[in-house]
Protein backbone atom coordinates (compact mmCIF):
# COMPACT_ATOMS: atom_id res chain seq x y z
CA MET A 1 112.86 63.26 114.35
CA ASN A 2 112.92 65.93 117.06
CA GLY A 3 113.14 69.00 114.88
CA VAL A 4 113.50 70.30 111.34
CA ARG A 5 115.18 73.45 110.05
CA MET A 6 112.71 76.33 109.84
CA ASP A 7 113.33 77.05 106.16
CA LYS A 8 112.91 73.36 105.21
CA TRP A 9 109.65 73.06 107.15
CA LEU A 10 108.19 76.26 105.67
CA TRP A 11 109.07 74.99 102.18
CA ALA A 12 107.65 71.50 102.89
CA ALA A 13 104.44 73.03 104.30
CA ARG A 14 104.14 75.08 101.07
CA PHE A 15 104.18 78.53 102.62
CA PHE A 16 106.98 79.45 100.19
CA LYS A 17 107.79 78.14 96.71
CA THR A 18 111.48 77.65 97.33
CA ARG A 19 113.64 77.03 100.34
CA ALA A 20 115.65 80.15 99.48
CA LEU A 21 112.48 82.28 99.69
CA ALA A 22 111.67 80.70 103.06
CA ALA A 23 115.18 81.50 104.34
CA LYS A 24 114.90 85.08 103.05
CA ALA A 25 111.54 85.52 104.81
CA CYS A 26 113.15 84.35 108.05
CA ASP A 27 116.02 86.80 107.59
CA LEU A 28 113.55 89.65 106.95
CA GLY A 29 111.64 88.87 110.16
CA ARG A 30 108.48 87.57 108.49
CA VAL A 31 108.48 84.35 110.51
CA ARG A 32 108.08 84.43 114.28
CA VAL A 33 107.92 81.82 117.00
CA GLY A 34 106.01 83.50 119.78
CA ALA A 35 107.42 87.02 119.94
CA VAL A 36 110.89 86.06 118.63
CA GLU A 37 111.98 86.32 115.00
CA ALA A 38 113.01 82.92 113.68
CA LYS A 39 116.28 82.30 111.83
CA PRO A 40 116.39 79.85 108.90
CA ALA A 41 118.48 77.30 110.83
CA ARG A 42 116.24 77.32 113.92
CA GLU A 43 114.59 73.98 114.60
CA VAL A 44 110.82 73.70 114.40
CA ARG A 45 109.32 71.41 117.02
CA LEU A 46 105.89 69.84 117.39
CA GLY A 47 103.28 72.04 119.06
CA GLU A 48 105.00 75.36 118.39
CA LEU A 49 102.94 78.36 117.31
CA LEU A 50 104.33 80.16 114.25
CA GLN A 51 103.34 83.51 112.78
CA ILE A 52 104.12 83.55 109.07
CA ARG A 53 103.71 86.52 106.72
CA ASN A 54 103.86 85.87 102.97
CA GLU A 55 102.12 87.09 99.81
CA GLY A 56 99.04 85.06 100.79
CA GLY A 57 98.57 87.01 104.03
CA GLU A 58 99.41 86.49 107.68
CA PHE A 59 99.08 83.00 109.08
CA ALA A 60 99.11 81.86 112.70
CA VAL A 61 99.69 78.10 112.69
CA GLU A 62 100.38 75.30 115.14
CA VAL A 63 102.94 72.70 114.03
CA LEU A 64 101.34 69.23 113.96
CA ALA A 65 103.97 67.22 112.06
CA LEU A 66 107.54 67.58 110.84
CA SER A 67 108.80 67.00 107.31
CA GLU A 68 111.89 67.83 105.28
CA MET A 69 110.33 66.64 102.03
CA ARG A 70 107.98 68.74 99.93
CA GLY A 71 104.99 66.72 98.85
CA PRO A 72 101.48 67.29 97.49
CA ALA A 73 99.41 70.16 98.90
CA ALA A 74 97.08 67.71 100.64
CA VAL A 75 100.02 66.24 102.57
CA ALA A 76 101.47 69.69 103.31
CA GLN A 77 98.21 70.80 104.93
CA THR A 78 98.48 67.98 107.46
CA LEU A 79 101.74 69.47 108.80
CA TYR A 80 99.97 72.38 110.51
CA ARG A 81 96.65 73.72 111.78
CA GLU A 82 95.75 77.37 111.25
CA THR A 83 94.12 79.11 114.22
CA GLU A 84 90.53 80.31 113.93
CA GLU A 85 91.57 83.94 114.57
CA SER A 86 93.99 83.74 111.66
CA LYS A 87 91.35 82.30 109.34
CA THR A 88 88.81 85.00 110.18
CA ALA A 89 91.37 87.80 109.88
CA ARG A 90 92.48 86.59 106.43
CA ALA A 91 88.84 86.24 105.30
CA ARG A 92 88.05 89.76 106.52
CA LEU A 93 91.04 91.20 104.66
CA ALA A 94 90.02 89.37 101.48
CA GLU A 95 86.52 90.85 101.73
CA GLU A 96 87.97 94.34 102.24
CA ARG A 97 90.17 93.96 99.15
CA LYS A 98 87.16 92.80 97.16
CA ALA A 99 85.12 95.78 98.34
CA MET A 100 87.91 98.21 97.43
CA GLN A 101 87.91 96.95 93.83
CA GLN A 102 84.42 98.39 93.52
CA PHE A 103 85.82 101.91 93.97
CA ALA A 104 88.74 101.47 91.57
CA PRO A 105 87.42 102.07 88.06
CA ILE A 106 88.45 99.62 85.36
CA PRO A 107 90.22 101.45 82.52
CA GLU A 108 88.36 101.53 79.20
CA ARG A 109 91.52 100.94 77.18
CA ARG A 110 95.25 100.40 77.53
CA PRO A 111 97.34 103.52 78.12
CA SER A 112 98.83 105.10 75.02
CA LYS A 113 102.54 105.82 74.74
CA ARG A 114 101.87 109.40 75.82
CA ASP A 115 99.82 108.17 78.82
CA ARG A 116 102.58 105.77 79.85
CA ARG A 117 105.13 108.58 79.76
CA ARG A 118 102.90 110.72 81.98
CA ILE A 119 102.42 107.81 84.41
CA ILE A 120 106.18 107.25 84.61
CA GLN A 121 106.76 110.97 85.10
CA PHE A 122 104.08 111.15 87.81
CA ARG A 123 105.55 108.17 89.70
CA GLY A 124 109.02 109.63 89.45
CA ASP A 125 110.53 106.37 88.17
CA HIS A 126 113.37 108.19 86.45
């Protein structure tokens, strides 16, 4: 196997829950190979460096193996190796998020109907 479709590999490596979400991420420019945005049908090859942005954060990974089949998480982690810079950046962002929770007060109770209306009005959801 020389290459695998980008959306299939991202799904098999468990960066996205479905292949459709992987394809959508490619279309939105959240997956890059070098400095170029990757399309869902682009072939992933061994040794390529990918930059992937999903709800878990930003990952910079090197492709170590190819697979079209989604398997257990332990097997999926053998398909790639995350760079050290990526690991430290994600850890730093997680620490920052944790520190910011300290400044956000936890509400004492659920909002009442009147409070919810004021929140909706403030946000301008109507």
